[in-house]
Amino acid sequence: LLCLSVNVIILVLLAVAFLIIVQRNLLSLSDFLHTEKPDEGVILPFESELSPDLHSARTGEEIPVLITAAEDRLGAVVAAMNSVYKNSKANVVFTIVTLNDTVDHLKAWLSNTRLNNAKYKIVIFKPELLSGKISKDPQNLEAAKPLTFARFYLPVYIPEAEKAIYLDDDVIVQGDIQELYETSLKPGHAAAFSDDCDSASAKGIVRGAGNQNNYIGFLDFKKEAIKKLGMRANTCSFNPGVFIANLTEWKNQNITRQLEHWMDLNAREDLYSKTLAESITTPPLLIVFYKHHSSIDPMWHVRHLGAGNRYSSQFVKAAKLLHWNGHYKPWGRGSSFTDVWDKWFIPDPTGKFHPLRRHTGER
């Protein structure tokens, strides 16, 4: 009987020890899941908070919209957000990716203007994430703008969502963003883009621009790594300044890792074209999504407004989304249709940002 009692006590002690070990392991796992994972490039949210307006009247399915906010272009971000928010009654939640030294300015602008009712989350991009992944070419201005790569990490910033929209900051949305969000993606597709050869944006391509709407304008087809892919050089490219992502497919297909692979390889082997297009964010997207992406309605991405005026006023008015990609921006000099952009711009309450205009004193 005594022997049986001892055995029972030993079994109880072993069970208790086992439960303690399991609990500690679970706690360790929980800590691990809530800390940064350098190999996956996790970027933690700034204070992990939504905007002060937690009791917004807008309900229903959330529509996640990611946009980046560079200090010298904050006016663009505010105008883009304002156009999205005012043209829709949907429950839009903005994720604004920025750098640490821009946060205070951004918060002041959003909280002291009519955008204080919008829902938003601010997250900090860590430039060290790109170490070794981009070449240090002083001629390439895009390399000096780390925020342009934020779109590669969509599931990191919006981990709970199954679907999200990415917008460049130099856009104005004139339609209801919910319509864009409801774009159907084909089974197995992780994203939908607008092709550069579509009838709407083809009108905006300035003569002499060469093959900026074909893959050969972005990639060096003489390089072995590109040859091995078997892609056709005359394939129509797409513009990644506006797209919808199926984040479930994005994660299942390891899209972020694939993009980083081509960034790494380009840093070593210089795979991108230098003759026509100078983008270093578009080429890896073109490779990863080659003939494996869905399409956006062309009127939801009318672009080239920053490359010269090629559209009629009636056409611009009818467009659902306008994109001033190109050299001339609507907050600067020489751009077309600045009046459309001005309609949505909200003056900076801190007085730091002012749109530049053609004539002295015009703002």
Protein backbone atom coordinates (compact mmCIF):
# COMPACT_ATOMS: atom_id res chain seq x y z
CA LEU A 1 0.00 0.00 0.00
CA LEU A 2 2.86 2.33 0.91
CA CYS A 3 4.56 1.54 -2.40
CA LEU A 4 1.34 2.36 -4.27
CA SER A 5 1.04 5.71 -2.46
CA VAL A 6 4.62 6.62 -3.35
CA ASN A 7 3.96 5.77 -6.99
CA VAL A 8 0.83 7.95 -7.00
CA ILE A 9 2.76 10.86 -5.46
CA ILE A 10 5.53 10.46 -8.05
CA LEU A 11 2.96 10.43 -10.86
CA VAL A 12 1.28 13.57 -9.49
CA LEU A 13 4.63 15.35 -9.21
CA LEU A 14 5.53 14.34 -12.76
CA ALA A 15 2.17 15.59 -14.03
CA VAL A 16 2.66 18.94 -12.24
CA ALA A 17 6.18 19.26 -13.66
CA PHE A 18 4.88 18.46 -17.13
CA LEU A 19 2.15 21.12 -16.86
CA ILE A 20 4.69 23.72 -15.70
CA ILE A 21 6.94 22.94 -18.67
CA VAL A 22 3.99 23.18 -21.10
CA GLN A 23 2.91 26.51 -19.60
CA ARG A 24 6.42 27.96 -19.91
CA ASN A 25 6.69 26.78 -23.49
CA LEU A 26 3.34 28.35 -24.34
CA LEU A 27 4.43 31.62 -22.74
CA SER A 28 7.70 31.52 -24.66
CA LEU A 29 5.78 30.87 -27.86
CA SER A 30 3.47 33.80 -27.09
CA ASP A 31 6.47 36.07 -26.47
CA PHE A 32 8.04 34.89 -29.70
CA LEU A 33 4.91 35.62 -31.72
CA HIS A 34 4.75 39.15 -30.33
CA THR A 35 8.39 40.03 -30.97
CA GLU A 36 10.23 40.92 -34.08
CA LYS A 37 11.35 38.14 -36.41
CA PRO A 38 14.31 39.58 -38.36
CA ASP A 39 14.25 36.83 -40.97
CA GLU A 40 10.65 37.69 -41.87
CA GLY A 41 11.23 41.43 -41.79
CA VAL A 42 8.53 42.18 -39.24
CA ILE A 43 8.02 45.89 -38.72
CA LEU A 44 6.19 46.72 -35.53
CA PRO A 45 3.41 49.31 -35.49
CA PHE A 46 4.03 52.70 -33.89
CA GLU A 47 2.29 52.46 -30.51
CA SER A 48 0.01 49.91 -32.21
CA GLU A 49 -2.93 52.29 -32.12
CA LEU A 50 -5.82 53.35 -34.29
CA SER A 51 -6.74 57.00 -34.69
CA PRO A 52 -8.44 58.72 -31.72
CA ASP A 53 -11.86 58.31 -33.37
CA LEU A 54 -12.61 54.84 -32.10
CA HIS A 55 -16.37 55.44 -32.20
CA SER A 56 -16.68 56.24 -35.89
CA ALA A 57 -20.19 56.05 -37.30
CA ARG A 58 -18.86 53.91 -40.13
CA THR A 59 -19.44 50.21 -39.61
CA GLY A 60 -19.45 47.08 -41.71
CA GLU A 61 -16.57 45.24 -43.32
CA GLU A 62 -13.28 47.08 -42.96
CA ILE A 63 -11.55 48.13 -46.17
CA PRO A 64 -7.80 48.22 -45.45
CA VAL A 65 -5.88 50.81 -47.49
CA LEU A 66 -2.09 51.09 -47.22
CA ILE A 67 -0.31 54.28 -48.21
CA THR A 68 3.19 55.60 -47.44
CA ALA A 69 4.00 59.02 -45.99
CA ALA A 70 7.33 60.67 -46.80
CA GLU A 71 8.07 63.93 -45.00
CA ASP A 72 8.54 65.98 -48.17
CA ARG A 73 5.28 64.60 -49.65
CA LEU A 74 2.93 64.66 -46.69
CA GLY A 75 0.56 66.98 -48.52
CA ALA A 76 0.10 64.27 -51.13
CA VAL A 77 -0.79 61.65 -48.54
CA VAL A 78 -3.34 63.92 -46.90
CA ALA A 79 -4.97 64.80 -50.25
CA ALA A 80 -5.13 61.13 -51.29
CA MET A 81 -6.62 60.05 -47.96
CA ASN A 82 -9.14 62.89 -48.03
CA SER A 83 -10.30 61.93 -51.52
CA VAL A 84 -10.75 58.29 -50.48
CA TYR A 85 -12.56 59.16 -47.26
CA LYS A 86 -14.93 61.78 -48.65
CA ASN A 87 -15.94 59.79 -51.73
CA SER A 88 -16.99 56.69 -49.82
CA LYS A 89 -19.24 55.77 -46.92
CA ALA A 90 -17.41 52.49 -46.47
CA ASN A 91 -15.53 51.56 -43.29
CA VAL A 92 -12.08 52.48 -44.61
CA VAL A 93 -9.09 51.92 -42.33
CA PHE A 94 -5.81 53.48 -43.47
CA THR A 95 -2.45 51.98 -42.62
CA ILE A 96 0.09 54.77 -43.05
CA VAL A 97 3.70 53.61 -43.37
CA THR A 98 6.25 56.28 -42.55
CA LEU A 99 9.67 56.93 -41.02
CA ASN A 100 10.18 57.75 -37.37
CA ASP A 101 10.99 61.45 -37.84
CA THR A 102 7.72 62.08 -39.73
CA VAL A 103 5.27 60.69 -37.15
CA ASP A 104 4.69 63.88 -35.13
CA HIS A 105 4.10 66.03 -38.21
CA LEU A 106 1.73 63.45 -39.67
CA LYS A 107 -0.27 63.10 -36.44
CA ALA A 108 -0.60 66.87 -36.09
CA TRP A 109 -1.90 67.15 -39.66
CA LEU A 110 -4.44 64.37 -39.31
CA SER A 111 -5.71 65.21 -35.83
CA ASN A 112 -6.14 68.96 -36.42
CA THR A 113 -8.04 68.78 -39.71
CA ARG A 114 -11.25 67.23 -40.99
CA LEU A 115 -9.44 63.90 -41.36
CA ASN A 116 -9.56 63.48 -37.59
CA ASN A 117 -12.67 61.33 -38.08
CA ALA A 118 -10.88 58.90 -40.38
CA LYS A 119 -9.63 55.59 -39.01
CA TYR A 120 -5.91 55.10 -39.38
CA LYS A 121 -2.91 53.25 -38.00
CA ILE A 122 0.64 54.56 -38.25
CA VAL A 123 3.51 52.08 -38.63
CA ILE A 124 7.22 52.71 -38.83
CA PHE A 125 9.27 51.40 -41.74
CA LYS A 126 12.77 50.27 -40.81
CA PRO A 127 15.22 51.07 -43.64
CA GLU A 128 17.69 48.49 -42.31
CA LEU A 129 15.26 45.89 -43.62
CA LEU A 130 16.61 46.69 -47.09
CA SER A 131 20.26 46.22 -46.20
CA GLY A 132 21.97 44.26 -48.97
CA LYS A 133 18.78 44.13 -51.04
CA ILE A 134 19.22 47.30 -53.09
CA SER A 135 22.25 48.65 -54.91
CA LYS A 136 23.83 51.84 -53.63
CA ASP A 137 23.68 53.58 -56.97
CA PRO A 138 23.78 57.37 -56.36
CA GLN A 139 22.12 57.88 -59.76
CA ASN A 140 19.00 56.05 -58.65
CA LEU A 141 16.79 58.33 -56.61
CA GLU A 142 14.34 55.54 -55.82
CA ALA A 143 17.01 53.70 -53.85
CA ALA A 144 17.16 56.67 -51.48
CA LYS A 145 13.42 56.39 -50.79
CA PRO A 146 12.98 53.25 -48.69
CA LEU A 147 9.23 53.75 -48.27
CA THR A 148 8.69 52.80 -51.90
CA PHE A 149 9.37 49.18 -50.88
CA ALA A 150 6.66 49.13 -48.20
CA ARG A 151 4.22 47.57 -50.67
CA PHE A 152 6.34 44.40 -50.65
CA TYR A 153 5.44 43.81 -47.01
CA LEU A 154 1.66 44.23 -47.07
CA PRO A 155 0.82 41.18 -44.88
CA VAL A 156 3.23 42.44 -42.22
CA TYR A 157 1.41 45.75 -41.84
CA ILE A 158 -2.12 44.37 -42.17
CA PRO A 159 -1.82 40.85 -40.71
CA GLU A 160 -5.51 40.38 -39.85
CA ALA A 161 -6.92 41.22 -43.28
CA GLU A 162 -7.59 38.79 -46.12
CA LYS A 163 -7.60 41.55 -48.74
CA ALA A 164 -6.12 45.06 -48.96
CA ILE A 165 -5.58 47.99 -51.32
CA TYR A 166 -2.22 49.67 -51.90
CA LEU A 167 -2.11 53.29 -53.13
CA ASP A 168 0.81 55.49 -54.11
CA ASP A 169 0.63 58.93 -52.49
CA ASP A 170 0.36 60.82 -55.82
CA VAL A 171 -3.20 59.68 -56.50
CA ILE A 172 -6.66 61.16 -56.14
CA VAL A 173 -9.65 58.84 -55.81
CA GLN A 174 -12.85 60.14 -57.39
CA GLY A 175 -14.94 56.97 -57.10
CA ASP A 176 -16.11 54.90 -54.15
CA ILE A 177 -13.09 52.90 -52.94
CA GLN A 178 -15.40 50.00 -52.07
CA GLU A 179 -15.89 49.41 -55.79
CA LEU A 180 -12.14 48.96 -56.22
CA TYR A 181 -11.98 46.75 -53.14
CA GLU A 182 -14.65 44.46 -54.59
CA THR A 183 -12.55 43.76 -57.69
CA SER A 184 -12.62 40.01 -58.30
CA LEU A 185 -9.29 38.21 -58.30
CA LYS A 186 -8.95 34.93 -60.17
CA PRO A 187 -8.34 31.78 -58.11
CA GLY A 188 -4.67 31.50 -57.17
CA HIS A 189 -3.92 35.17 -57.91
CA ALA A 190 -2.35 37.19 -55.09
CA ALA A 191 -2.86 40.62 -56.69
CA ALA A 192 -4.67 42.63 -59.35
CA PHE A 193 -2.94 45.42 -61.29
CA SER A 194 -3.78 47.68 -64.21
CA ASP A 195 -1.85 46.76 -67.36
CA ASP A 196 0.11 49.53 -69.07
CA CYS A 197 -1.36 48.59 -72.43
CA ASP A 198 -4.98 49.11 -71.42
CA SER A 199 -6.91 51.55 -73.58
CA ALA A 200 -7.42 54.18 -70.87
CA SER A 201 -3.84 54.75 -69.72
CA ALA A 202 -2.29 54.13 -73.15
CA LYS A 203 -3.68 57.54 -74.09
CA GLY A 204 -1.50 59.14 -71.44
CA ILE A 205 1.83 57.72 -72.57
CA VAL A 206 3.93 60.56 -73.89
CA ARG A 207 5.55 60.07 -77.29
CA GLY A 208 9.20 59.14 -77.17
CA ALA A 209 8.80 57.20 -73.95
CA GLY A 210 10.00 54.05 -75.69
CA ASN A 211 9.03 50.65 -74.30
CA GLN A 212 7.93 51.85 -70.88
CA ASN A 213 4.83 49.67 -71.22
CA ASN A 214 6.75 46.44 -71.94
CA TYR A 215 8.90 44.17 -69.77
CA ILE A 216 12.02 45.04 -71.76
CA GLY A 217 11.75 48.58 -70.45
CA PHE A 218 12.31 47.32 -66.90
CA LEU A 219 14.51 44.22 -67.19
CA ASP A 220 17.82 43.42 -68.88
CA PHE A 221 16.99 40.43 -71.06
CA LYS A 222 20.68 39.87 -71.80
CA LYS A 223 21.27 38.70 -68.24
CA GLU A 224 21.27 34.94 -67.72
CA ALA A 225 19.01 35.02 -64.67
CA ILE A 226 16.35 36.83 -66.71
CA LYS A 227 16.81 34.60 -69.76
CA LYS A 228 16.21 31.48 -67.67
CA LEU A 229 12.73 32.71 -66.72
CA GLY A 230 11.54 32.38 -70.31
CA MET A 231 9.53 35.61 -70.19
CA ARG A 232 8.62 37.43 -73.38
CA ALA A 233 10.31 40.82 -73.57
CA ASN A 234 7.33 42.44 -75.28
CA THR A 235 4.89 41.37 -72.55
CA CYS A 236 2.77 44.28 -71.39
CA SER A 237 3.96 45.58 -68.03
CA PHE A 238 1.74 46.86 -65.24
CA ASN A 239 1.96 49.80 -62.87
CA PRO A 240 2.22 48.83 -59.18
CA GLY A 241 1.18 52.27 -57.89
CA VAL A 242 -2.34 50.96 -57.32
CA PHE A 243 -3.25 47.35 -56.68
CA ILE A 244 -5.51 45.03 -54.72
CA ALA A 245 -3.91 42.13 -52.86
CA ASN A 246 -5.35 38.82 -51.71
CA LEU A 247 -3.21 38.60 -48.57
CA THR A 248 -4.06 34.96 -47.95
CA GLU A 249 -2.65 34.00 -51.35
CA TRP A 250 0.23 36.45 -50.85
CA LYS A 251 1.29 34.63 -47.70
CA ASN A 252 0.63 31.14 -49.06
CA GLN A 253 2.81 31.86 -52.10
CA ASN A 254 5.55 33.59 -50.08
CA ILE A 255 5.32 36.64 -52.34
CA THR A 256 7.39 38.82 -50.01
CA ARG A 257 10.21 36.26 -49.94
CA GLN A 258 10.10 35.96 -53.73
CA LEU A 259 10.35 39.74 -54.12
CA GLU A 260 13.27 39.88 -51.68
CA HIS A 261 15.01 37.11 -53.64
CA TRP A 262 14.97 39.23 -56.81
CA MET A 263 16.06 42.30 -54.88
CA ASP A 264 19.04 40.36 -53.53
CA LEU A 265 19.91 38.97 -56.96
CA ASN A 266 19.67 42.35 -58.64
CA ALA A 267 21.97 43.89 -56.01
CA ARG A 268 24.57 41.31 -57.03
CA GLU A 269 23.94 40.91 -60.77
CA ASP A 270 22.33 44.20 -61.89
CA LEU A 271 19.30 42.69 -63.61
CA TYR A 272 17.18 45.77 -64.18
CA SER A 273 17.12 47.86 -67.35
CA LYS A 274 18.75 51.28 -67.26
CA THR A 275 17.87 52.43 -70.75
CA LEU A 276 14.21 53.36 -70.35
CA ALA A 277 12.74 52.78 -66.92
CA GLU A 278 14.62 53.58 -63.72
CA SER A 279 12.28 51.93 -61.25
CA ILE A 280 13.75 49.39 -58.87
CA THR A 281 10.44 48.46 -57.22
CA THR A 282 8.55 47.53 -60.40
CA PRO A 283 10.96 44.89 -61.84
CA PRO A 284 10.71 42.32 -59.03
CA LEU A 285 6.92 42.66 -59.08
CA LEU A 286 6.88 42.12 -62.85
CA ILE A 287 8.92 38.94 -62.42
CA VAL A 288 6.94 37.47 -59.53
CA PHE A 289 3.54 38.28 -61.06
CA TYR A 290 4.42 37.43 -64.67
CA LYS A 291 1.17 36.27 -66.31
CA HIS A 292 -0.14 35.45 -62.85
CA HIS A 293 -2.20 38.46 -61.78
CA SER A 294 -5.73 39.72 -62.21
CA SER A 295 -6.74 43.04 -63.76
CA ILE A 296 -8.18 46.26 -62.41
CA ASP A 297 -10.81 48.24 -64.30
CA PRO A 298 -8.73 50.73 -66.35
CA MET A 299 -10.80 53.67 -65.08
CA TRP A 300 -9.65 52.77 -61.58
CA HIS A 301 -6.05 53.59 -62.51
CA VAL A 302 -5.77 56.43 -65.00
CA ARG A 303 -2.10 57.35 -64.93
CA HIS A 304 0.68 59.36 -66.60
CA LEU A 305 -0.78 62.66 -65.38
CA GLY A 306 2.72 63.51 -64.17
CA ALA A 307 4.24 62.99 -67.61
CA GLY A 308 2.34 65.60 -69.60
CA ASN A 309 -1.26 66.47 -70.37
CA ARG A 310 -2.66 63.85 -72.73
CA TYR A 311 -6.24 63.66 -71.47
CA SER A 312 -9.36 65.73 -71.96
CA SER A 313 -11.04 67.39 -68.99
CA GLN A 314 -14.11 65.23 -69.56
CA PHE A 315 -12.06 62.04 -69.42
CA VAL A 316 -10.28 63.13 -66.23
CA LYS A 317 -13.62 63.96 -64.62
CA ALA A 318 -14.96 60.50 -65.47
CA ALA A 319 -11.92 58.63 -64.09
CA LYS A 320 -12.37 56.78 -60.80
CA LEU A 321 -8.72 57.17 -59.79
CA LEU A 322 -6.06 59.56 -61.11
CA HIS A 323 -2.33 58.90 -60.78
CA TRP A 324 0.30 61.59 -61.31
CA ASN A 325 3.13 59.14 -61.90
CA GLY A 326 5.96 60.82 -63.73
CA HIS A 327 8.18 63.83 -63.11
CA TYR A 328 5.51 66.47 -62.55
CA LYS A 329 3.52 66.27 -59.33
CA PRO A 330 0.25 68.14 -58.66
CA TRP A 331 1.71 69.88 -55.60
CA GLY A 332 4.64 71.16 -57.66
CA ARG A 333 5.19 73.23 -60.79
CA GLY A 334 4.38 72.17 -64.33
CA SER A 335 1.79 69.51 -63.54
CA SER A 336 -1.51 69.10 -65.35
CA PHE A 337 -4.91 69.12 -63.64
CA THR A 338 -3.62 70.66 -60.41
CA ASP A 339 -7.13 72.04 -59.82
CA VAL A 340 -8.40 68.47 -59.35
CA TRP A 341 -5.74 67.78 -56.75
CA ASP A 342 -6.25 71.15 -55.01
CA LYS A 343 -9.88 70.25 -54.38
CA TRP A 344 -8.78 67.53 -51.96
CA PHE A 345 -5.69 69.12 -50.42
CA ILE A 346 -5.99 70.14 -46.77
CA PRO A 347 -3.58 72.93 -45.69
CA ASP A 348 -0.90 71.92 -43.21
CA PRO A 349 -1.86 73.24 -39.75
CA THR A 350 1.85 73.36 -38.83
CA GLY A 351 2.65 75.54 -41.85
CA LYS A 352 5.55 73.34 -43.00
CA PHE A 353 4.10 72.12 -46.33
CA HIS A 354 2.96 74.41 -49.14
CA PRO A 355 2.11 73.40 -52.71
CA LEU A 356 4.31 75.15 -55.25
CA ARG A 357 2.68 76.89 -58.16
CA ARG A 358 3.79 78.43 -61.42
CA HIS A 359 3.47 82.06 -60.34
CA THR A 360 5.12 83.70 -57.36
CA GLY A 361 2.84 83.85 -54.39
CA GLU A 362 0.40 81.28 -55.83
CA ARG A 363 -0.19 78.39 -53.45
